[in-house]
Amino acid sequence: PGPVPTINWRLWHIAIDCLDDYSQQLFGRTFASVAGRRWHLDPALALADLQRAYEGFRDACIERPAEQWWDELGERFGPWHAHNLFDFVEHAQHEVTHHSAEVALLRDLYRERNSRCV
């Protein structure tokens, strides 16, 4: 079983399992600094890795010439082989959006944990 999906773990997951892994697959490099790619308990480290992973992924996408956005990804992408960079970036945006929504929900629940329901 994996770790309890805390806010820190979800931030780490967006940074490493999503953006940094996609950067490795697409561009051959990673941007976050997690030693051994292990998740951490410190929210400052999770946020720092998320910021680096996001900026690296964004900048690597911007560097791609426009015509490369429509080329098939190829066999090394398995089920994504017939898709293009645009499709993959759209998938990354979906991952970031829905995991960020989970973070927002957990933050709301944490903030209200001691409040009384009326």
N, C-alpha and C. Protein backbone atom coordinates (compact mmCIF):
# COMPACT_ATOMS: atom_id res chain seq x y z
N PRO A 1 0.84 -1.20 0.00
CA PRO A 1 0.00 0.00 0.00
C PRO A 1 0.87 1.25 0.00
N GLY A 2 0.39 2.26 -0.67
CA GLY A 2 1.12 3.52 -0.75
C GLY A 2 0.92 4.35 0.51
N PRO A 3 1.55 5.50 0.54
CA PRO A 3 1.41 6.38 1.71
C PRO A 3 0.00 6.94 1.80
N VAL A 4 -0.36 7.41 2.99
CA VAL A 4 -1.64 8.09 3.17
C VAL A 4 -1.62 9.33 2.27
N PRO A 5 -2.65 9.56 1.48
CA PRO A 5 -2.64 10.69 0.55
C PRO A 5 -2.87 12.04 1.25
N THR A 6 -1.84 12.49 1.93
CA THR A 6 -1.88 13.79 2.61
C THR A 6 -1.72 14.91 1.59
N ILE A 7 -1.84 16.14 2.07
CA ILE A 7 -1.60 17.29 1.20
C ILE A 7 -0.17 17.23 0.67
N ASN A 8 0.80 16.99 1.54
CA ASN A 8 2.20 16.92 1.10
C ASN A 8 2.40 15.83 0.06
N TRP A 9 1.81 14.68 0.31
CA TRP A 9 1.98 13.59 -0.66
C TRP A 9 1.38 13.97 -2.01
N ARG A 10 0.22 14.58 -2.01
CA ARG A 10 -0.41 14.98 -3.28
C ARG A 10 0.43 16.03 -4.00
N LEU A 11 0.99 16.98 -3.28
CA LEU A 11 1.88 17.97 -3.91
C LEU A 11 3.09 17.27 -4.53
N TRP A 12 3.67 16.35 -3.79
CA TRP A 12 4.79 15.57 -4.30
C TRP A 12 4.37 14.78 -5.53
N HIS A 13 3.21 14.17 -5.49
CA HIS A 13 2.71 13.36 -6.60
C HIS A 13 2.56 14.21 -7.87
N ILE A 14 2.03 15.41 -7.74
CA ILE A 14 1.91 16.29 -8.91
C ILE A 14 3.29 16.62 -9.45
N ALA A 15 4.22 16.94 -8.55
CA ALA A 15 5.57 17.33 -8.97
C ALA A 15 6.34 16.18 -9.60
N ILE A 16 6.36 15.03 -8.94
CA ILE A 16 7.24 13.94 -9.35
C ILE A 16 6.54 12.95 -10.28
N ASP A 17 5.44 12.36 -9.82
CA ASP A 17 4.77 11.33 -10.63
C ASP A 17 4.11 11.91 -11.88
N CYS A 18 3.76 13.16 -11.82
CA CYS A 18 3.14 13.78 -13.01
C CYS A 18 4.18 14.59 -13.79
N LEU A 19 4.42 15.81 -13.38
CA LEU A 19 5.22 16.73 -14.19
C LEU A 19 6.65 16.28 -14.43
N ASP A 20 7.33 15.82 -13.39
CA ASP A 20 8.73 15.43 -13.58
C ASP A 20 8.86 14.15 -14.41
N ASP A 21 7.98 13.18 -14.18
CA ASP A 21 8.02 11.97 -15.01
C ASP A 21 7.68 12.29 -16.46
N TYR A 22 6.72 13.17 -16.69
CA TYR A 22 6.39 13.56 -18.06
C TYR A 22 7.57 14.28 -18.70
N SER A 23 8.26 15.12 -17.95
CA SER A 23 9.44 15.80 -18.48
C SER A 23 10.52 14.80 -18.87
N GLN A 24 10.69 13.78 -18.04
CA GLN A 24 11.68 12.74 -18.35
C GLN A 24 11.29 12.01 -19.64
N GLN A 25 10.03 11.64 -19.76
CA GLN A 25 9.56 10.92 -20.95
C GLN A 25 9.67 11.78 -22.20
N LEU A 26 9.22 13.01 -22.12
CA LEU A 26 9.14 13.87 -23.29
C LEU A 26 10.46 14.53 -23.66
N PHE A 27 11.20 14.98 -22.65
CA PHE A 27 12.35 15.83 -22.91
C PHE A 27 13.68 15.25 -22.43
N GLY A 28 13.62 14.09 -21.77
CA GLY A 28 14.84 13.43 -21.32
C GLY A 28 15.50 14.07 -20.12
N ARG A 29 14.77 14.87 -19.36
CA ARG A 29 15.35 15.48 -18.16
C ARG A 29 14.28 15.72 -17.11
N THR A 30 14.73 15.83 -15.87
CA THR A 30 13.83 16.12 -14.76
C THR A 30 14.27 17.43 -14.12
N PHE A 31 13.40 17.98 -13.29
CA PHE A 31 13.67 19.31 -12.74
C PHE A 31 13.55 19.38 -11.22
N ALA A 32 12.79 18.50 -10.61
CA ALA A 32 12.64 18.52 -9.15
C ALA A 32 13.89 17.92 -8.51
N SER A 33 14.04 18.11 -7.23
CA SER A 33 15.29 17.75 -6.57
C SER A 33 15.17 16.58 -5.60
N VAL A 34 14.13 15.83 -5.65
CA VAL A 34 13.92 14.76 -4.67
C VAL A 34 14.98 13.69 -4.83
N ALA A 35 15.76 13.50 -3.78
CA ALA A 35 16.79 12.45 -3.79
C ALA A 35 16.10 11.09 -3.71
N GLY A 36 16.36 10.24 -4.67
CA GLY A 36 15.75 8.92 -4.67
C GLY A 36 14.27 8.95 -5.02
N ARG A 37 13.77 10.12 -5.39
CA ARG A 37 12.38 10.30 -5.81
C ARG A 37 11.39 9.82 -4.74
N ARG A 38 11.75 10.02 -3.48
CA ARG A 38 10.88 9.66 -2.37
C ARG A 38 10.05 10.86 -1.96
N TRP A 39 8.83 10.60 -1.53
CA TRP A 39 7.98 11.69 -1.09
C TRP A 39 8.44 12.18 0.28
N HIS A 40 8.08 13.40 0.63
CA HIS A 40 8.53 13.96 1.89
C HIS A 40 7.38 14.50 2.73
N LEU A 41 7.70 14.66 4.00
CA LEU A 41 6.71 15.14 4.95
C LEU A 41 6.70 16.66 5.07
N ASP A 42 7.77 17.31 4.66
CA ASP A 42 7.90 18.76 4.80
C ASP A 42 7.18 19.47 3.66
N PRO A 43 6.15 20.26 3.97
CA PRO A 43 5.40 20.93 2.90
C PRO A 43 6.25 21.92 2.11
N ALA A 44 7.24 22.54 2.75
CA ALA A 44 8.11 23.47 2.02
C ALA A 44 8.89 22.74 0.93
N LEU A 45 9.36 21.55 1.22
CA LEU A 45 10.08 20.76 0.21
C LEU A 45 9.14 20.33 -0.91
N ALA A 46 7.94 19.92 -0.54
CA ALA A 46 6.96 19.51 -1.56
C ALA A 46 6.62 20.68 -2.47
N LEU A 47 6.40 21.85 -1.91
CA LEU A 47 6.08 23.02 -2.72
C LEU A 47 7.25 23.44 -3.60
N ALA A 48 8.46 23.36 -3.06
CA ALA A 48 9.64 23.72 -3.84
C ALA A 48 9.82 22.77 -5.02
N ASP A 49 9.62 21.48 -4.79
CA ASP A 49 9.71 20.52 -5.89
C ASP A 49 8.61 20.74 -6.91
N LEU A 50 7.41 21.06 -6.44
CA LEU A 50 6.31 21.32 -7.36
C LEU A 50 6.62 22.55 -8.23
N GLN A 51 7.16 23.58 -7.63
CA GLN A 51 7.49 24.79 -8.38
C GLN A 51 8.55 24.49 -9.44
N ARG A 52 9.61 23.77 -9.06
CA ARG A 52 10.68 23.44 -10.01
C ARG A 52 10.17 22.53 -11.12
N ALA A 53 9.37 21.53 -10.77
CA ALA A 53 8.85 20.60 -11.77
C ALA A 53 7.93 21.32 -12.75
N TYR A 54 7.06 22.19 -12.22
CA TYR A 54 6.15 22.94 -13.09
C TYR A 54 6.92 23.85 -14.04
N GLU A 55 7.85 24.64 -13.49
CA GLU A 55 8.60 25.57 -14.33
C GLU A 55 9.43 24.84 -15.38
N GLY A 56 10.04 23.73 -14.99
CA GLY A 56 10.83 22.95 -15.94
C GLY A 56 9.98 22.38 -17.05
N PHE A 57 8.83 21.80 -16.69
CA PHE A 57 7.93 21.23 -17.69
C PHE A 57 7.42 22.33 -18.63
N ARG A 58 6.97 23.44 -18.04
CA ARG A 58 6.48 24.56 -18.83
C ARG A 58 7.54 25.08 -19.80
N ASP A 59 8.74 25.32 -19.30
CA ASP A 59 9.80 25.88 -20.13
C ASP A 59 10.22 24.91 -21.24
N ALA A 60 10.28 23.61 -20.91
CA ALA A 60 10.64 22.62 -21.94
C ALA A 60 9.57 22.55 -23.03
N CYS A 61 8.31 22.72 -22.65
CA CYS A 61 7.24 22.75 -23.66
C CYS A 61 7.37 23.98 -24.55
N ILE A 62 7.64 25.11 -23.94
CA ILE A 62 7.77 26.36 -24.69
C ILE A 62 8.92 26.28 -25.70
N GLU A 63 9.98 25.57 -25.33
CA GLU A 63 11.15 25.44 -26.20
C GLU A 63 10.90 24.59 -27.45
N ARG A 64 9.87 23.77 -27.43
CA ARG A 64 9.57 22.89 -28.58
C ARG A 64 9.11 23.72 -29.76
N PRO A 65 9.68 23.47 -30.94
CA PRO A 65 9.17 24.15 -32.14
C PRO A 65 7.71 23.74 -32.39
N ALA A 66 6.94 24.66 -32.95
CA ALA A 66 5.50 24.44 -33.16
C ALA A 66 5.21 23.16 -33.93
N GLU A 67 6.00 22.85 -34.95
CA GLU A 67 5.72 21.66 -35.76
C GLU A 67 5.88 20.36 -34.97
N GLN A 68 6.71 20.35 -33.92
CA GLN A 68 6.89 19.14 -33.12
C GLN A 68 5.68 18.82 -32.24
N TRP A 69 4.83 19.77 -32.03
CA TRP A 69 3.66 19.56 -31.19
C TRP A 69 2.67 18.59 -31.83
N TRP A 70 2.78 18.36 -33.13
CA TRP A 70 1.81 17.53 -33.83
C TRP A 70 2.38 16.18 -34.27
N ASP A 71 3.67 15.91 -34.00
CA ASP A 71 4.28 14.63 -34.34
C ASP A 71 3.80 13.55 -33.37
N GLU A 72 3.62 12.33 -33.88
CA GLU A 72 3.27 11.22 -33.00
C GLU A 72 4.39 11.00 -31.99
N LEU A 73 4.02 10.63 -30.79
CA LEU A 73 5.00 10.41 -29.73
C LEU A 73 5.86 9.19 -29.97
N GLY A 74 5.32 8.15 -30.57
CA GLY A 74 6.10 6.96 -30.89
C GLY A 74 5.91 5.81 -29.92
N GLU A 75 6.47 4.69 -30.29
CA GLU A 75 6.26 3.42 -29.56
C GLU A 75 6.70 3.45 -28.11
N ARG A 76 7.71 4.21 -27.75
CA ARG A 76 8.18 4.22 -26.36
C ARG A 76 7.15 4.81 -25.40
N PHE A 77 6.07 5.40 -25.93
CA PHE A 77 5.02 5.97 -25.09
C PHE A 77 3.86 5.00 -24.89
N GLY A 78 4.04 3.76 -25.29
CA GLY A 78 3.03 2.74 -25.05
C GLY A 78 1.67 3.15 -25.57
N PRO A 79 0.63 3.17 -24.70
CA PRO A 79 -0.71 3.49 -25.17
C PRO A 79 -0.85 4.91 -25.73
N TRP A 80 0.12 5.76 -25.45
CA TRP A 80 0.11 7.13 -25.96
C TRP A 80 0.84 7.25 -27.29
N HIS A 81 1.30 6.16 -27.88
CA HIS A 81 2.18 6.20 -29.06
C HIS A 81 1.60 6.98 -30.24
N ALA A 82 0.30 6.93 -30.45
CA ALA A 82 -0.31 7.61 -31.60
C ALA A 82 -0.71 9.06 -31.29
N HIS A 83 -0.52 9.46 -30.04
CA HIS A 83 -0.85 10.82 -29.64
C HIS A 83 0.32 11.76 -29.92
N ASN A 84 0.08 13.05 -29.74
CA ASN A 84 1.13 14.03 -29.98
C ASN A 84 1.42 14.81 -28.68
N LEU A 85 2.38 15.72 -28.76
CA LEU A 85 2.77 16.51 -27.60
C LEU A 85 1.59 17.32 -27.06
N PHE A 86 0.80 17.87 -27.94
CA PHE A 86 -0.37 18.63 -27.49
C PHE A 86 -1.27 17.77 -26.61
N ASP A 87 -1.57 16.54 -27.07
CA ASP A 87 -2.41 15.63 -26.28
C ASP A 87 -1.79 15.34 -24.92
N PHE A 88 -0.47 15.13 -24.91
CA PHE A 88 0.22 14.77 -23.68
C PHE A 88 0.21 15.94 -22.69
N VAL A 89 0.41 17.16 -23.19
CA VAL A 89 0.37 18.34 -22.34
C VAL A 89 -1.04 18.56 -21.80
N GLU A 90 -2.03 18.32 -22.64
CA GLU A 90 -3.41 18.42 -22.17
C GLU A 90 -3.68 17.41 -21.05
N HIS A 91 -3.14 16.20 -21.19
CA HIS A 91 -3.27 15.19 -20.13
C HIS A 91 -2.58 15.68 -18.85
N ALA A 92 -1.38 16.26 -18.98
CA ALA A 92 -0.67 16.79 -17.82
C ALA A 92 -1.49 17.86 -17.12
N GLN A 93 -2.12 18.73 -17.88
CA GLN A 93 -2.97 19.77 -17.29
C GLN A 93 -4.14 19.16 -16.54
N HIS A 94 -4.71 18.11 -17.09
CA HIS A 94 -5.81 17.43 -16.40
C HIS A 94 -5.33 16.84 -15.08
N GLU A 95 -4.18 16.20 -15.08
CA GLU A 95 -3.62 15.62 -13.86
C GLU A 95 -3.38 16.70 -12.80
N VAL A 96 -2.75 17.79 -13.20
CA VAL A 96 -2.46 18.88 -12.26
C VAL A 96 -3.76 19.45 -11.71
N THR A 97 -4.75 19.64 -12.56
CA THR A 97 -6.02 20.22 -12.14
C THR A 97 -6.74 19.32 -11.14
N HIS A 98 -6.88 18.05 -11.46
CA HIS A 98 -7.68 17.24 -10.54
C HIS A 98 -6.94 16.94 -9.23
N HIS A 99 -5.62 16.79 -9.27
CA HIS A 99 -4.89 16.59 -8.02
C HIS A 99 -4.84 17.88 -7.19
N SER A 100 -4.78 19.03 -7.85
CA SER A 100 -4.83 20.30 -7.13
C SER A 100 -6.18 20.50 -6.47
N ALA A 101 -7.24 20.06 -7.12
CA ALA A 101 -8.57 20.13 -6.51
C ALA A 101 -8.63 19.25 -5.26
N GLU A 102 -7.97 18.10 -5.30
CA GLU A 102 -7.91 17.25 -4.11
C GLU A 102 -7.16 17.95 -2.98
N VAL A 103 -6.08 18.65 -3.32
CA VAL A 103 -5.33 19.41 -2.31
C VAL A 103 -6.24 20.47 -1.70
N ALA A 104 -6.97 21.19 -2.54
CA ALA A 104 -7.87 22.23 -2.04
C ALA A 104 -8.93 21.64 -1.10
N LEU A 105 -9.49 20.51 -1.46
CA LEU A 105 -10.49 19.87 -0.60
C LEU A 105 -9.87 19.47 0.74
N LEU A 106 -8.69 18.86 0.70
CA LEU A 106 -8.04 18.46 1.95
C LEU A 106 -7.72 19.68 2.82
N ARG A 107 -7.30 20.77 2.19
CA ARG A 107 -7.03 22.00 2.95
C ARG A 107 -8.31 22.50 3.61
N ASP A 108 -9.42 22.47 2.88
CA ASP A 108 -10.70 22.91 3.46
C ASP A 108 -11.10 22.02 4.63
N LEU A 109 -10.97 20.73 4.45
CA LEU A 109 -11.33 19.80 5.53
C LEU A 109 -10.43 19.99 6.74
N TYR A 110 -9.15 20.18 6.51
CA TYR A 110 -8.20 20.39 7.61
C TYR A 110 -8.53 21.68 8.37
N ARG A 111 -8.80 22.73 7.63
CA ARG A 111 -9.11 24.03 8.25
C ARG A 111 -10.38 23.94 9.09
N GLU A 112 -11.35 23.19 8.63
CA GLU A 112 -12.65 23.11 9.30
C GLU A 112 -12.79 21.94 10.26
N ARG A 113 -11.72 21.21 10.49
CA ARG A 113 -11.81 19.97 11.27
C ARG A 113 -12.35 20.17 12.69
N ASN A 114 -12.17 21.36 13.25
CA ASN A 114 -12.64 21.60 14.61
C ASN A 114 -13.91 22.45 14.66
N SER A 115 -14.42 22.79 13.49
CA SER A 115 -15.65 23.61 13.45
C SER A 115 -16.87 22.74 13.68
N ARG A 116 -17.89 23.35 14.22
CA ARG A 116 -19.14 22.63 14.41
C ARG A 116 -20.01 22.81 13.18
N CYS A 117 -20.69 21.75 12.82
CA CYS A 117 -21.69 21.85 11.74
C CYS A 117 -22.94 22.48 12.33
N VAL A 118 -23.53 23.35 11.59
CA VAL A 118 -24.75 24.03 12.07
C VAL A 118 -25.95 23.45 11.38
